[in-house]
C-alpha atoms as a PDB file:
ATOM      1  CA  UNK A   1       5.847   5.390  10.812  1.00  0.00           C
ATOM      2  CA  UNK A   2       4.461   2.548  13.364  1.00  0.00           C
ATOM      3  CA  UNK A   3       4.555  -1.043  11.692  1.00  0.00           C
ATOM      4  CA  UNK A   4       3.708  -4.296  12.547  1.00  0.00           C
ATOM      5  CA  UNK A   5       4.322  -7.871  10.749  1.00  0.00           C
ATOM      6  CA  UNK A   6       3.273 -11.198  12.081  1.00  0.00           C
ATOM      7  CA  UNK A   7       5.434 -13.509  10.550  1.00  0.00           C
ATOM      8  CA  UNK A   8       4.576 -17.563  11.086  1.00  0.00           C
ATOM      9  CA  UNK A   9       3.720 -20.988   9.695  1.00  0.00           C
ATOM     10  CA  UNK A  10       0.204 -20.918   7.927  1.00  0.00           C
ATOM     11  CA  UNK A  11      -0.503 -24.976   8.296  1.00  0.00           C
ATOM     12  CA  UNK A  12      -0.638 -26.348  11.146  1.00  0.00           C
ATOM     13  CA  UNK A  13      -2.005 -30.197  12.453  1.00  0.00           C
ATOM     14  CA  UNK A  14      -4.157 -30.277  14.667  1.00  0.00           C
ATOM     15  CA  UNK A  15      -2.936 -31.360  18.483  1.00  0.00           C
ATOM     16  CA  UNK A  16       0.052 -29.202  16.798  1.00  0.00           C
ATOM     17  CA  UNK A  17       1.335 -25.943  18.755  1.00  0.00           C
ATOM     18  CA  UNK A  18       0.650 -22.985  16.614  1.00  0.00           C
ATOM     19  CA  UNK A  19       3.355 -19.744  16.223  1.00  0.00           C
ATOM     20  CA  UNK A  20       3.292 -16.730  15.263  1.00  0.00           C
ATOM     21  CA  UNK A  21       5.702 -13.379  15.941  1.00  0.00           C
ATOM     22  CA  UNK A  22       5.155  -9.922  15.235  1.00  0.00           C
ATOM     23  CA  UNK A  23       8.185  -7.516  14.318  1.00  0.00           C
ATOM     24  CA  UNK A  24       7.616  -4.365  15.113  1.00  0.00           C
ATOM     25  CA  UNK A  25       9.253  -1.231  13.401  1.00  0.00           C
ATOM     26  CA  UNK A  26       8.779   2.448  14.213  1.00  0.00           C
ATOM     27  CA  UNK A  27       8.145   2.098  18.014  1.00  0.00           C
ATOM     28  CA  UNK A  28       9.453  -0.239  21.328  1.00  0.00           C
ATOM     29  CA  UNK A  29       7.616  -2.217  22.546  1.00  0.00           C
ATOM     30  CA  UNK A  30       9.126  -1.411  26.120  1.00  0.00           C
ATOM     31  CA  UNK A  31       7.249   2.319  25.750  1.00  0.00           C
ATOM     32  CA  UNK A  32       6.038   2.802  28.908  1.00  0.00           C
ATOM     33  CA  UNK A  33       1.445   2.329  27.972  1.00  0.00           C
ATOM     34  CA  UNK A  34       1.522   0.283  24.754  1.00  0.00           C
ATOM     35  CA  UNK A  35      -0.304  -2.765  25.155  1.00  0.00           C
ATOM     36  CA  UNK A  36       0.792  -5.501  22.212  1.00  0.00           C
ATOM     37  CA  UNK A  37      -2.100  -7.540  21.563  1.00  0.00           C
ATOM     38  CA  UNK A  38      -2.983 -11.137  19.744  1.00  0.00           C
ATOM     39  CA  UNK A  39      -6.130 -10.383  18.325  1.00  0.00           C
ATOM     40  CA  UNK A  40      -7.829 -13.441  15.695  1.00  0.00           C
ATOM     41  CA  UNK A  41     -11.043 -13.460  13.667  1.00  0.00           C
ATOM     42  CA  UNK A  42     -12.790 -17.112  12.595  1.00  0.00           C
ATOM     43  CA  UNK A  43     -14.676 -17.130   9.495  1.00  0.00           C
ATOM     44  CA  UNK A  44     -17.929 -15.903  10.137  1.00  0.00           C
ATOM     45  CA  UNK A  45     -17.010 -13.948  13.678  1.00  0.00           C
ATOM     46  CA  UNK A  46     -16.144 -10.718  15.046  1.00  0.00           C
ATOM     47  CA  UNK A  47     -12.502  -9.675  16.120  1.00  0.00           C
ATOM     48  CA  UNK A  48     -11.943 -12.200  19.064  1.00  0.00           C
ATOM     49  CA  UNK A  49      -8.581 -10.950  21.511  1.00  0.00           C
ATOM     50  CA  UNK A  50      -6.397 -14.258  22.750  1.00  0.00           C
ATOM     51  CA  UNK A  51      -4.526 -12.057  25.037  1.00  0.00           C
ATOM     52  CA  UNK A  52      -1.569  -8.995  25.599  1.00  0.00           C
ATOM     53  CA  UNK A  53       1.716  -8.150  26.935  1.00  0.00           C
ATOM     54  CA  UNK A  54       2.302  -5.465  28.299  1.00  0.00           C
ATOM     55  CA  UNK A  55       5.205  -2.856  27.943  1.00  0.00           C
ATOM     56  CA  UNK A  56       6.373  -3.775  31.371  1.00  0.00           C
ATOM     57  CA  UNK A  57       6.216  -7.380  30.069  1.00  0.00           C
ATOM     58  CA  UNK A  58       2.866  -8.413  32.292  1.00  0.00           C
ATOM     59  CA  UNK A  59       0.078 -10.786  30.092  1.00  0.00           C
ATOM     60  CA  UNK A  60      -3.116 -11.643  29.793  1.00  0.00           C
ATOM     61  CA  UNK A  61      -5.550 -14.020  28.151  1.00  0.00           C
ATOM     62  CA  UNK A  62      -9.329 -13.995  27.143  1.00  0.00           C
ATOM     63  CA  UNK A  63     -10.256 -17.111  29.741  1.00  0.00           C
ATOM     64  CA  UNK A  64     -11.558 -18.997  26.847  1.00  0.00           C
ATOM     65  CA  UNK A  65      -8.158 -19.837  25.867  1.00  0.00           C
ATOM     66  CA  UNK A  66      -5.789 -19.053  28.731  1.00  0.00           C
ATOM     67  CA  UNK A  67      -5.034 -22.831  29.188  1.00  0.00           C
ATOM     68  CA  UNK A  68      -3.544 -22.945  25.780  1.00  0.00           C
ATOM     69  CA  UNK A  69      -2.045 -19.828  24.812  1.00  0.00           C
ATOM     70  CA  UNK A  70       1.337 -17.836  26.288  1.00  0.00           C
ATOM     71  CA  UNK A  71       2.939 -14.526  25.036  1.00  0.00           C
ATOM     72  CA  UNK A  72       6.249 -13.330  25.043  1.00  0.00           C
ATOM     73  CA  UNK A  73       8.747 -11.330  23.685  1.00  0.00           C
ATOM     74  CA  UNK A  74      12.338 -10.590  22.477  1.00  0.00           C
ATOM     75  CA  UNK A  75      13.052  -7.267  23.644  1.00  0.00           C
ATOM     76  CA  UNK A  76      15.841  -7.274  22.164  1.00  0.00           C
ATOM     77  CA  UNK A  77      14.824  -7.841  18.672  1.00  0.00           C
ATOM     78  CA  UNK A  78      11.143  -5.895  19.238  1.00  0.00           C
ATOM     79  CA  UNK A  79       9.392  -8.496  19.144  1.00  0.00           C
ATOM     80  CA  UNK A  80       6.149 -10.455  20.597  1.00  0.00           C
ATOM     81  CA  UNK A  81       5.134 -13.685  20.235  1.00  0.00           C
ATOM     82  CA  UNK A  82       2.274 -15.953  20.708  1.00  0.00           C
ATOM     83  CA  UNK A  83       1.995 -19.662  21.121  1.00  0.00           C
ATOM     84  CA  UNK A  84      -1.377 -21.439  21.334  1.00  0.00           C
ATOM     85  CA  UNK A  85      -0.911 -25.200  22.242  1.00  0.00           C
ATOM     86  CA  UNK A  86      -3.015 -28.056  21.274  1.00  0.00           C
ATOM     87  CA  UNK A  87      -4.665 -26.939  18.038  1.00  0.00           C
ATOM     88  CA  UNK A  88      -8.068 -28.047  16.664  1.00  0.00           C
ATOM     89  CA  UNK A  89      -9.892 -26.947  13.409  1.00  0.00           C
ATOM     90  CA  UNK A  90     -11.844 -24.202  15.598  1.00  0.00           C
ATOM     91  CA  UNK A  91      -8.859 -22.278  16.013  1.00  0.00           C
ATOM     92  CA  UNK A  92      -8.465 -21.604  11.844  1.00  0.00           C
ATOM     93  CA  UNK A  93      -8.926 -18.277  11.606  1.00  0.00           C
ATOM     94  CA  UNK A  94      -6.653 -15.021  10.233  1.00  0.00           C
ATOM     95  CA  UNK A  95      -4.595 -14.150  13.173  1.00  0.00           C
ATOM     96  CA  UNK A  96      -3.394 -10.396  13.537  1.00  0.00           C
ATOM     97  CA  UNK A  97      -1.075  -8.475  16.126  1.00  0.00           C
ATOM     98  CA  UNK A  98      -2.375  -4.960  17.339  1.00  0.00           C
ATOM     99  CA  UNK A  99      -1.306  -2.005  19.439  1.00  0.00           C
ATOM    100  CA  UNK A 100      -2.991   0.328  21.591  1.00  0.00           C
ATOM    101  CA  UNK A 101      -2.779   2.486  23.862  1.00  0.00           C
ATOM    102  CA  UNK A 102      -3.214   2.077  27.750  1.00  0.00           C
ATOM    103  CA  UNK A 103      -5.486  -1.508  28.356  1.00  0.00           C
ATOM    104  CA  UNK A 104      -8.379  -2.726  26.914  1.00  0.00           C
ATOM    105  CA  UNK A 105     -10.789  -4.292  29.077  1.00  0.00           C
ATOM    106  CA  UNK A 106     -12.237  -6.187  26.340  1.00  0.00           C
ATOM    107  CA  UNK A 107     -11.951  -9.347  25.072  1.00  0.00           C
ATOM    108  CA  UNK A 108     -14.210  -8.352  21.902  1.00  0.00           C
ATOM    109  CA  UNK A 109     -12.305  -6.460  19.911  1.00  0.00           C
ATOM    110  CA  UNK A 110     -12.907  -3.675  17.282  1.00  0.00           C
ATOM    111  CA  UNK A 111     -10.410  -2.342  14.677  1.00  0.00           C
ATOM    112  CA  UNK A 112     -10.828   1.968  16.882  1.00  0.00           C
ATOM    113  CA  UNK A 113      -9.564   0.560  20.103  1.00  0.00           C
ATOM    114  CA  UNK A 114      -6.128  -0.668  18.504  1.00  0.00           C
ATOM    115  CA  UNK A 115      -3.900   2.302  17.177  1.00  0.00           C
ATOM    116  CA  UNK A 116      -1.809  -0.294  15.150  1.00  0.00           C
ATOM    117  CA  UNK A 117      -2.186  -3.742  13.042  1.00  0.00           C
ATOM    118  CA  UNK A 118      -0.666  -6.360  11.465  1.00  0.00           C
ATOM    119  CA  UNK A 119      -1.840  -7.349   7.791  1.00  0.00           C
ATOM    120  CA  UNK A 120      -2.930 -10.962   9.372  1.00  0.00           C
ATOM    121  CA  UNK A 121      -1.529 -14.184   9.069  1.00  0.00           C
ATOM    122  CA  UNK A 122      -4.150 -17.445   7.986  1.00  0.00           C
ATOM    123  CA  UNK A 123      -3.442 -20.610   9.686  1.00  0.00           C
ATOM    124  CA  UNK A 124      -5.298 -23.220   8.828  1.00  0.00           C
ATOM    125  CA  UNK A 125      -6.168 -25.923  11.177  1.00  0.00           C
ATOM    126  CA  UNK A 126      -6.013 -28.882   9.428  1.00  0.00           C
ATOM    127  CA  UNK A 127      -4.146 -32.786   9.235  1.00  0.00           C
END
């Protein structure tokens, strides 16, 4: 079955770069029609999509984070990676990677829009 697993540091200092990797098993990240997203949930808030990388390697970023976010992939490892620059405490959240079939048009994510999710990883921004 398809599994996604986030990995990366749980604590990042303000102004530094947050870097997370999603390792995918059971499916290829280059399979036609699949979109691989990074989504986060801050305390007391809903799910917010940060961006995605498509099966063909195209990327999209939430306009509110576009200047700081970068998503890339390593097809040889079947992984995709998020980098978020210049983090502040407001970036403290649970970060998820997820897969949808076809592009999701809204940045306000819901669980049902994505067929597969990682378990999520807590990232805290603090000095």
